[in-house]
Every structure is written in structure tokens, then in C-alpha cells.
Amino acid sequence: MCLFVAKLRDVQSEHHRFEQALRSNLSSYAVELTPQTVTQLATFYSLLIRWNERLHLVAPCSPEEFATRHVLESLLLLKHLPQEAKIADVGSGPGLPIIPCLIARADLEATLIESSQKKAVFLREALKAVQRNATIIARRFEEIDAPEVSFVSCRALEQFAKKMPELLNWAPPGATLLLFGGENLVSGERYLVPGSEMRYLFVVRKSSK
């Protein structure tokens, strides 16, 4: 019983530290969140940490780092997404960047593309936990036609730089790609991620022809 209580207290402490880190760093990322959104993001964080031991969704990190490096960074997409935007997230894995965006903006319509069946199960559970709906396709993006969307996001993909030409070709004509990576990932408009020296959010607009 004592071990259980100690573990419960550790979980509650991490939960609290995560929420505090979110609130204290909002201004640095130019993000505004309601109390309810913060609570849902904390629910997502807690679920991901529980699944992480089995699936290795993200590298081990503190609650503070997860709040900034993963969640707030993901929410940088929001200012590039108009109301009721349709977006395909490629390599969704741990649900980043798309699930934090869906939590903050219920108007978004998303398709999550993740080749790992086990990670696709996690994505379904995470969406259920935060009361959001999205389409999940458990396939490699190269194996399917791009859905009818205006935006494509990608934060982490195996051999990302190597697959970039294929991803750009796969995206629908006229779509805007929102991509996270190092300074040489792709040519296009880019924004330095807060707190980083070499990590950027790239905004790449594909020709409609």
C-alpha cells in the first residue's frame, strides 16, 4: 500500500509540474489556453507517459520539458490553421503535434497517418481520453493517396530529410505543409522554435498546379 501511495503521489506531482510548466511558458510560445484545455493536455500527458514504457513513444524527459519541447512546440501550428481547417498528420506516433492541436481547437478536422499498428492503438486511446475525434490510418503515407486536406503536418519521420521530396510530392496540390526540423530540412518560410537555436517550424506552400 505504501508503495502504491508513493507512486500515486509521484504521478500527481508530475501532473502538477506539467500544468505549471504549460502555464508559465505560454507567453514564450504566443499561445493562449483555457483552464479546461490545460487539464485535457495534462490528461494526454499522463496517458502518454503510461504507454511510453511499452511503445517508446518519446525519449524520457521531465514534465517541464514535455510541456515545452513537445506540447507547446506542437501548438505553434495553431496560428497557421484557419477555422475548420482540414489537416493530415504524417507519422503521428505519440500524437505530436496533432493531438495537442485538436485539444486546443475542436474545430479542426484531422487524419492521423501512422504506420505502427501499436502506436495507432495508442492514438485511438488518446483521442478517446481527451474526447476528440479524428480519422486514423495505420499505413505508411507512401502506401495511400493523400486525403483531401489543405494542410499536412509532420514532426518526426524516420529518415525525414531523405523522405522530404516524396512527402512534398504526396501532399495535395495547393496544400500547406507544416514541418518541424533542423535548418536544412527543406527550403521555405521558417520560424525558429522558442528556446531553440537550430530547430524550426517550416511553412511550405505547394503549388496548386
Protein backbone atom coordinates (compact mmCIF):
# COMPACT_ATOMS: atom_id res chain seq x y z
CA MET A 1 0.00 0.00 0.00
CA CYS A 2 2.81 2.41 0.90
CA LEU A 3 4.48 1.83 -2.47
CA PHE A 4 1.17 2.44 -4.23
CA VAL A 5 0.60 5.69 -2.34
CA ALA A 6 4.16 6.85 -3.07
CA LYS A 7 3.73 6.11 -6.77
CA LEU A 8 0.38 7.91 -6.83
CA ARG A 9 1.97 10.95 -5.24
CA ASP A 10 4.75 10.89 -7.85
CA VAL A 11 2.17 10.81 -10.64
CA GLN A 12 0.23 13.68 -9.10
CA SER A 13 3.43 15.68 -8.68
CA GLU A 14 4.42 15.16 -12.33
CA HIS A 15 0.90 16.08 -13.41
CA HIS A 16 1.10 19.31 -11.40
CA ARG A 17 4.59 20.15 -12.67
CA PHE A 18 3.42 19.65 -16.25
CA GLU A 19 0.46 22.00 -15.82
CA GLN A 20 2.62 24.61 -14.11
CA ALA A 21 5.19 24.47 -16.92
CA LEU A 22 2.46 24.93 -19.51
CA ARG A 23 1.06 27.99 -17.79
CA SER A 24 4.43 29.61 -17.10
CA ASN A 25 5.65 29.25 -20.69
CA LEU A 26 2.53 30.23 -22.66
CA SER A 27 3.74 33.74 -23.43
CA SER A 28 7.06 32.49 -24.85
CA TYR A 29 5.14 30.50 -27.44
CA ALA A 30 2.44 33.13 -28.00
CA VAL A 31 -0.23 30.59 -27.08
CA GLU A 32 -3.41 31.09 -25.04
CA LEU A 33 -5.09 28.13 -23.33
CA THR A 34 -8.25 27.84 -21.26
CA PRO A 35 -8.11 26.03 -17.89
CA GLN A 36 -10.10 23.18 -19.44
CA THR A 37 -7.59 22.85 -22.28
CA VAL A 38 -4.70 22.72 -19.80
CA THR A 39 -6.50 19.93 -17.93
CA GLN A 40 -7.04 17.94 -21.14
CA LEU A 41 -3.42 18.40 -22.17
CA ALA A 42 -2.39 17.06 -18.76
CA THR A 43 -4.66 14.04 -19.33
CA PHE A 44 -2.93 13.43 -22.65
CA TYR A 45 0.49 13.75 -21.00
CA SER A 46 -0.38 11.29 -18.24
CA LEU A 47 -1.68 8.72 -20.73
CA LEU A 48 1.37 9.04 -22.96
CA ILE A 49 3.75 8.55 -20.04
CA ARG A 50 1.90 5.37 -19.03
CA TRP A 51 2.17 3.97 -22.56
CA ASN A 52 5.72 5.16 -23.11
CA GLU A 53 7.41 2.25 -21.30
CA ARG A 54 5.86 -0.22 -23.74
CA LEU A 55 5.95 1.71 -27.01
CA HIS A 56 8.85 4.17 -26.59
CA LEU A 57 6.72 6.98 -27.97
CA VAL A 58 9.10 9.75 -26.89
CA ALA A 59 12.54 9.91 -25.28
CA PRO A 60 12.36 10.11 -21.46
CA CYS A 61 12.04 13.70 -20.30
CA SER A 62 10.86 15.79 -17.36
CA PRO A 63 7.30 17.13 -17.14
CA GLU A 64 8.70 20.61 -17.81
CA GLU A 65 10.48 19.50 -20.97
CA PHE A 66 7.44 17.64 -22.23
CA ALA A 67 5.30 20.74 -21.70
CA THR A 68 7.62 22.96 -23.72
CA ARG A 69 9.56 20.73 -26.11
CA HIS A 70 6.57 18.63 -27.11
CA VAL A 71 3.22 20.25 -26.31
CA LEU A 72 3.82 23.98 -26.64
CA GLU A 73 6.03 23.42 -29.67
CA SER A 74 3.18 21.44 -31.27
CA LEU A 75 0.77 24.28 -30.59
CA LEU A 76 2.86 26.62 -32.76
CA LEU A 77 0.86 25.16 -35.66
CA LEU A 78 -2.35 26.81 -34.49
CA LYS A 79 -1.65 30.30 -35.81
CA HIS A 80 -1.20 28.80 -39.29
CA LEU A 81 -4.51 26.89 -39.23
CA PRO A 82 -7.75 28.75 -40.03
CA GLN A 83 -11.07 27.78 -38.52
CA GLU A 84 -12.29 24.31 -39.55
CA ALA A 85 -9.00 23.54 -41.28
CA LYS A 86 -8.56 20.01 -42.59
CA ILE A 87 -5.13 18.57 -41.83
CA ALA A 88 -3.28 15.31 -42.38
CA ASP A 89 -0.62 14.49 -39.80
CA VAL A 90 2.05 12.14 -41.13
CA GLY A 91 3.95 9.91 -38.71
CA SER A 92 1.66 10.76 -35.82
CA GLY A 93 3.40 8.31 -33.42
CA PRO A 94 2.87 9.81 -29.94
CA GLY A 95 0.18 12.16 -31.24
CA LEU A 96 2.54 15.07 -31.74
CA PRO A 97 1.91 17.68 -32.98
CA ILE A 98 -1.68 16.90 -33.86
CA ILE A 99 -3.38 15.80 -30.63
CA PRO A 100 -2.42 18.93 -28.64
CA CYS A 101 -3.77 20.97 -31.57
CA LEU A 102 -7.04 19.02 -31.56
CA ILE A 103 -7.34 19.52 -27.81
CA ALA A 104 -6.87 23.29 -28.16
CA ARG A 105 -9.05 23.60 -31.29
CA ALA A 106 -12.08 21.31 -31.51
CA ASP A 107 -12.95 22.84 -34.90
CA LEU A 108 -10.01 21.13 -36.64
CA GLU A 109 -10.63 18.04 -38.78
CA ALA A 110 -7.65 15.69 -38.79
CA THR A 111 -6.41 12.49 -40.38
CA LEU A 112 -3.63 10.77 -38.44
CA ILE A 113 -1.31 8.59 -40.52
CA GLU A 114 0.87 6.19 -38.52
CA SER A 115 2.49 3.03 -39.88
CA SER A 116 2.81 1.27 -36.49
CA GLN A 117 -0.31 -0.67 -35.54
CA LYS A 118 0.60 -0.47 -31.82
CA LYS A 119 1.05 3.29 -31.95
CA ALA A 120 -2.24 3.59 -33.84
CA VAL A 121 -3.92 1.85 -30.87
CA PHE A 122 -2.37 4.43 -28.54
CA LEU A 123 -3.63 7.25 -30.76
CA ARG A 124 -7.19 5.90 -30.55
CA GLU A 125 -6.96 5.67 -26.77
CA ALA A 126 -5.51 9.18 -26.51
CA LEU A 127 -8.26 10.68 -28.65
CA LYS A 128 -10.88 8.90 -26.56
CA ALA A 129 -9.28 10.17 -23.32
CA VAL A 130 -9.37 13.80 -24.45
CA GLN A 131 -12.79 13.46 -26.11
CA ARG A 132 -11.70 14.28 -29.65
CA ASN A 133 -12.48 12.57 -32.94
CA ALA A 134 -10.15 12.02 -35.88
CA THR A 135 -9.53 9.53 -38.65
CA ILE A 136 -6.60 7.17 -38.03
CA ILE A 137 -4.91 5.35 -40.91
CA ALA A 138 -2.43 2.69 -39.81
CA ARG A 139 -0.36 2.73 -43.00
CA ARG A 140 2.77 4.39 -44.36
CA PHE A 141 1.93 7.61 -46.15
CA GLU A 142 3.64 6.27 -49.30
CA GLU A 143 1.08 3.45 -49.46
CA ILE A 144 -2.03 5.63 -49.59
CA ASP A 145 -3.41 8.56 -51.51
CA ALA A 146 -3.30 11.86 -49.68
CA PRO A 147 -6.67 12.73 -48.09
CA GLU A 148 -8.49 15.84 -49.25
CA VAL A 149 -6.89 18.34 -46.89
CA SER A 150 -5.46 21.84 -47.08
CA PHE A 151 -2.65 21.21 -44.58
CA VAL A 152 -0.10 18.47 -43.95
CA SER A 153 1.90 18.35 -40.71
CA CYS A 154 4.87 16.24 -39.75
CA ARG A 155 7.08 16.47 -36.69
CA ALA A 156 9.09 13.27 -36.73
CA LEU A 157 9.51 10.74 -39.51
CA GLU A 158 12.15 8.05 -39.99
CA GLN A 159 14.74 9.32 -42.47
CA PHE A 160 12.85 12.61 -42.53
CA ALA A 161 15.21 14.56 -44.79
CA LYS A 162 15.50 11.66 -47.23
CA LYS A 163 11.73 11.29 -47.48
CA MET A 164 11.04 15.01 -47.82
CA PRO A 165 10.80 15.04 -51.65
CA GLU A 166 8.33 12.15 -51.52
CA LEU A 167 6.26 13.85 -48.82
CA LEU A 168 6.14 17.09 -50.81
CA ASN A 169 5.03 15.19 -53.89
CA TRP A 170 2.42 13.25 -51.88
CA ALA A 171 0.76 16.35 -50.42
CA PRO A 172 -2.35 17.56 -52.28
CA PRO A 173 -1.92 20.41 -54.79
CA GLY A 174 -2.26 23.78 -53.08
CA ALA A 175 -1.70 22.33 -49.61
CA THR A 176 0.44 23.99 -46.96
CA LEU A 177 2.97 21.75 -45.23
CA LEU A 178 3.83 22.50 -41.59
CA LEU A 179 7.07 20.71 -40.75
CA PHE A 180 9.42 20.67 -37.77
CA GLY A 181 13.12 20.10 -38.22
CA GLY A 182 16.66 21.41 -38.45
CA GLU A 183 17.63 24.39 -40.57
CA ASN A 184 18.44 22.31 -43.66
CA LEU A 185 15.29 20.17 -43.69
CA VAL A 186 13.58 21.96 -46.58
CA SER A 187 13.54 25.30 -48.36
CA GLY A 188 10.77 27.70 -47.49
CA GLU A 189 9.41 30.08 -44.92
CA ARG A 190 10.64 29.14 -41.46
CA TYR A 191 10.24 30.19 -37.83
CA LEU A 192 12.72 29.43 -35.06
CA VAL A 193 11.14 27.39 -32.26
CA PRO A 194 11.25 29.30 -28.95
CA GLY A 195 14.13 28.21 -26.74
CA SER A 196 15.92 26.53 -29.64
CA GLU A 197 18.94 27.58 -31.66
CA MET A 198 18.56 25.23 -34.62
CA ARG A 199 15.01 23.84 -34.65
CA TYR A 200 12.42 25.41 -36.92
CA LEU A 201 8.80 25.26 -37.98
CA PHE A 202 8.76 25.31 -41.78
CA VAL A 203 5.73 26.58 -43.69
CA VAL A 204 5.88 25.26 -47.25
CA ARG A 205 3.11 26.11 -49.71
CA LYS A 206 2.75 23.64 -52.55
CA SER A 207 1.74 24.84 -55.98
CA SER A 208 -1.87 24.22 -56.92
CA LYS A 209 -0.82 23.07 -60.40
